[in-house]
């Protein structure tokens, strides 16, 4: 499973992207469960953000959701952090 995260916005407006491929990883089931929770929790549509806040696009397989600070679920926050750290 391919998991992609794009972050835009923030005070400096610097975009950041990360991607993790779970195939062949020992912790693949953990990544996949977290990804499913993150995309399943989103109501869809363009979320309301805050000035100078970050906006995120999470793509898991063929599903994409948009979310924004400070209205991230715990699963979204964890997945975004892990992908941008390990998949940069």
C-alpha atoms as a PDB file:
ATOM      1  CA  UNK A   1       0.000   0.000   0.000  1.00  0.00           C
ATOM      2  CA  UNK A   2       1.305   3.440  -0.897  1.00  0.00           C
ATOM      3  CA  UNK A   3       0.677   6.219   1.628  1.00  0.00           C
ATOM      4  CA  UNK A   4       1.345   9.806   0.573  1.00  0.00           C
ATOM      5  CA  UNK A   5       1.112  13.018   2.585  1.00  0.00           C
ATOM      6  CA  UNK A   6       1.402  16.572   1.284  1.00  0.00           C
ATOM      7  CA  UNK A   7       1.579  19.529   3.657  1.00  0.00           C
ATOM      8  CA  UNK A   8       1.010  23.112   2.548  1.00  0.00           C
ATOM      9  CA  UNK A   9       0.452  26.435   4.289  1.00  0.00           C
ATOM     10  CA  UNK A  10       1.930  27.509   7.555  1.00  0.00           C
ATOM     11  CA  UNK A  11       3.560  30.838   8.278  1.00  0.00           C
ATOM     12  CA  UNK A  12       6.411  30.335   5.787  1.00  0.00           C
ATOM     13  CA  UNK A  13       4.254  28.602   3.166  1.00  0.00           C
ATOM     14  CA  UNK A  14       6.795  25.843   2.552  1.00  0.00           C
ATOM     15  CA  UNK A  15       5.301  22.683   1.035  1.00  0.00           C
ATOM     16  CA  UNK A  16       6.486  19.289   2.207  1.00  0.00           C
ATOM     17  CA  UNK A  17       5.737  15.818   0.861  1.00  0.00           C
ATOM     18  CA  UNK A  18       6.363  12.297   2.083  1.00  0.00           C
ATOM     19  CA  UNK A  19       5.581   8.805   0.876  1.00  0.00           C
ATOM     20  CA  UNK A  20       5.774   5.357   2.435  1.00  0.00           C
ATOM     21  CA  UNK A  21       5.318   2.046   0.624  1.00  0.00           C
ATOM     22  CA  UNK A  22       4.197  -0.597   3.114  1.00  0.00           C
ATOM     23  CA  UNK A  23       4.815  -3.649   0.909  1.00  0.00           C
ATOM     24  CA  UNK A  24       7.524  -5.823   2.396  1.00  0.00           C
ATOM     25  CA  UNK A  25       7.749  -3.911   5.665  1.00  0.00           C
ATOM     26  CA  UNK A  26       7.679  -5.836   8.920  1.00  0.00           C
ATOM     27  CA  UNK A  27       5.299  -3.217  10.356  1.00  0.00           C
ATOM     28  CA  UNK A  28       3.036  -3.054   7.263  1.00  0.00           C
ATOM     29  CA  UNK A  29      -0.137  -4.043   9.125  1.00  0.00           C
ATOM     30  CA  UNK A  30       0.403  -1.267  11.672  1.00  0.00           C
ATOM     31  CA  UNK A  31       0.890   1.344   8.905  1.00  0.00           C
ATOM     32  CA  UNK A  32      -2.133   0.091   6.976  1.00  0.00           C
ATOM     33  CA  UNK A  33      -4.434   0.127  10.015  1.00  0.00           C
ATOM     34  CA  UNK A  34      -3.328   3.673  10.863  1.00  0.00           C
ATOM     35  CA  UNK A  35      -3.833   4.793   7.248  1.00  0.00           C
ATOM     36  CA  UNK A  36      -7.325   3.284   7.106  1.00  0.00           C
ATOM     37  CA  UNK A  37      -8.262   5.031  10.354  1.00  0.00           C
ATOM     38  CA  UNK A  38      -6.902   8.344   9.058  1.00  0.00           C
ATOM     39  CA  UNK A  39      -8.791   8.349   5.750  1.00  0.00           C
ATOM     40  CA  UNK A  40     -11.930   6.794   7.220  1.00  0.00           C
ATOM     41  CA  UNK A  41     -12.267   9.550   9.828  1.00  0.00           C
ATOM     42  CA  UNK A  42     -12.515  12.372   7.312  1.00  0.00           C
ATOM     43  CA  UNK A  43     -15.988  13.649   6.353  1.00  0.00           C
ATOM     44  CA  UNK A  44     -14.710  14.697   2.900  1.00  0.00           C
ATOM     45  CA  UNK A  45     -14.699  18.082   1.243  1.00  0.00           C
ATOM     46  CA  UNK A  46     -12.354  20.979   1.886  1.00  0.00           C
ATOM     47  CA  UNK A  47     -11.966  21.465   5.652  1.00  0.00           C
ATOM     48  CA  UNK A  48     -11.902  24.845   7.346  1.00  0.00           C
ATOM     49  CA  UNK A  49      -8.458  25.749   8.567  1.00  0.00           C
ATOM     50  CA  UNK A  50      -6.974  28.623  10.485  1.00  0.00           C
ATOM     51  CA  UNK A  51      -4.791  31.487   9.241  1.00  0.00           C
ATOM     52  CA  UNK A  52      -1.177  30.330   8.839  1.00  0.00           C
ATOM     53  CA  UNK A  53      -2.228  26.774   9.706  1.00  0.00           C
ATOM     54  CA  UNK A  54      -1.156  23.687   7.823  1.00  0.00           C
ATOM     55  CA  UNK A  55      -3.352  21.886   5.308  1.00  0.00           C
ATOM     56  CA  UNK A  56      -2.772  18.246   4.472  1.00  0.00           C
ATOM     57  CA  UNK A  57      -3.686  15.887   1.663  1.00  0.00           C
ATOM     58  CA  UNK A  58      -3.499  12.209   2.605  1.00  0.00           C
ATOM     59  CA  UNK A  59      -3.618   9.635  -0.190  1.00  0.00           C
ATOM     60  CA  UNK A  60      -3.927   5.956   0.653  1.00  0.00           C
ATOM     61  CA  UNK A  61      -4.131   3.770  -2.416  1.00  0.00           C
ATOM     62  CA  UNK A  62      -6.850   5.354  -4.551  1.00  0.00           C
ATOM     63  CA  UNK A  63      -8.492   7.349  -1.733  1.00  0.00           C
ATOM     64  CA  UNK A  64      -7.587  10.947  -0.943  1.00  0.00           C
ATOM     65  CA  UNK A  65      -8.752  13.129   1.928  1.00  0.00           C
ATOM     66  CA  UNK A  66      -8.003  16.741   2.784  1.00  0.00           C
ATOM     67  CA  UNK A  67      -7.665  17.893   6.371  1.00  0.00           C
ATOM     68  CA  UNK A  68      -6.332  20.923   8.236  1.00  0.00           C
ATOM     69  CA  UNK A  69      -4.974  21.992  11.594  1.00  0.00           C
ATOM     70  CA  UNK A  70      -6.359  22.153  14.219  1.00  0.00           C
ATOM     71  CA  UNK A  71      -9.128  19.755  13.185  1.00  0.00           C
ATOM     72  CA  UNK A  72      -7.071  16.592  12.744  1.00  0.00           C
ATOM     73  CA  UNK A  73      -8.069  13.298  14.282  1.00  0.00           C
ATOM     74  CA  UNK A  74      -5.450  11.519  16.372  1.00  0.00           C
ATOM     75  CA  UNK A  75      -5.006   8.942  13.587  1.00  0.00           C
ATOM     76  CA  UNK A  76      -4.469  11.687  10.999  1.00  0.00           C
ATOM     77  CA  UNK A  77      -1.996  13.534  13.220  1.00  0.00           C
ATOM     78  CA  UNK A  78      -0.006  10.346  13.902  1.00  0.00           C
ATOM     79  CA  UNK A  79       0.018   9.224  10.264  1.00  0.00           C
ATOM     80  CA  UNK A  80       1.055  12.660   8.985  1.00  0.00           C
ATOM     81  CA  UNK A  81       3.886  12.864  11.490  1.00  0.00           C
ATOM     82  CA  UNK A  82       5.186   9.379  10.702  1.00  0.00           C
ATOM     83  CA  UNK A  83       4.988   9.736   6.909  1.00  0.00           C
ATOM     84  CA  UNK A  84       6.678  13.145   6.865  1.00  0.00           C
ATOM     85  CA  UNK A  85       9.399  11.837   9.192  1.00  0.00           C
ATOM     86  CA  UNK A  86      10.090   8.440   7.578  1.00  0.00           C
ATOM     87  CA  UNK A  87       9.018   9.099   4.008  1.00  0.00           C
ATOM     88  CA  UNK A  88      10.738  12.402   3.395  1.00  0.00           C
END
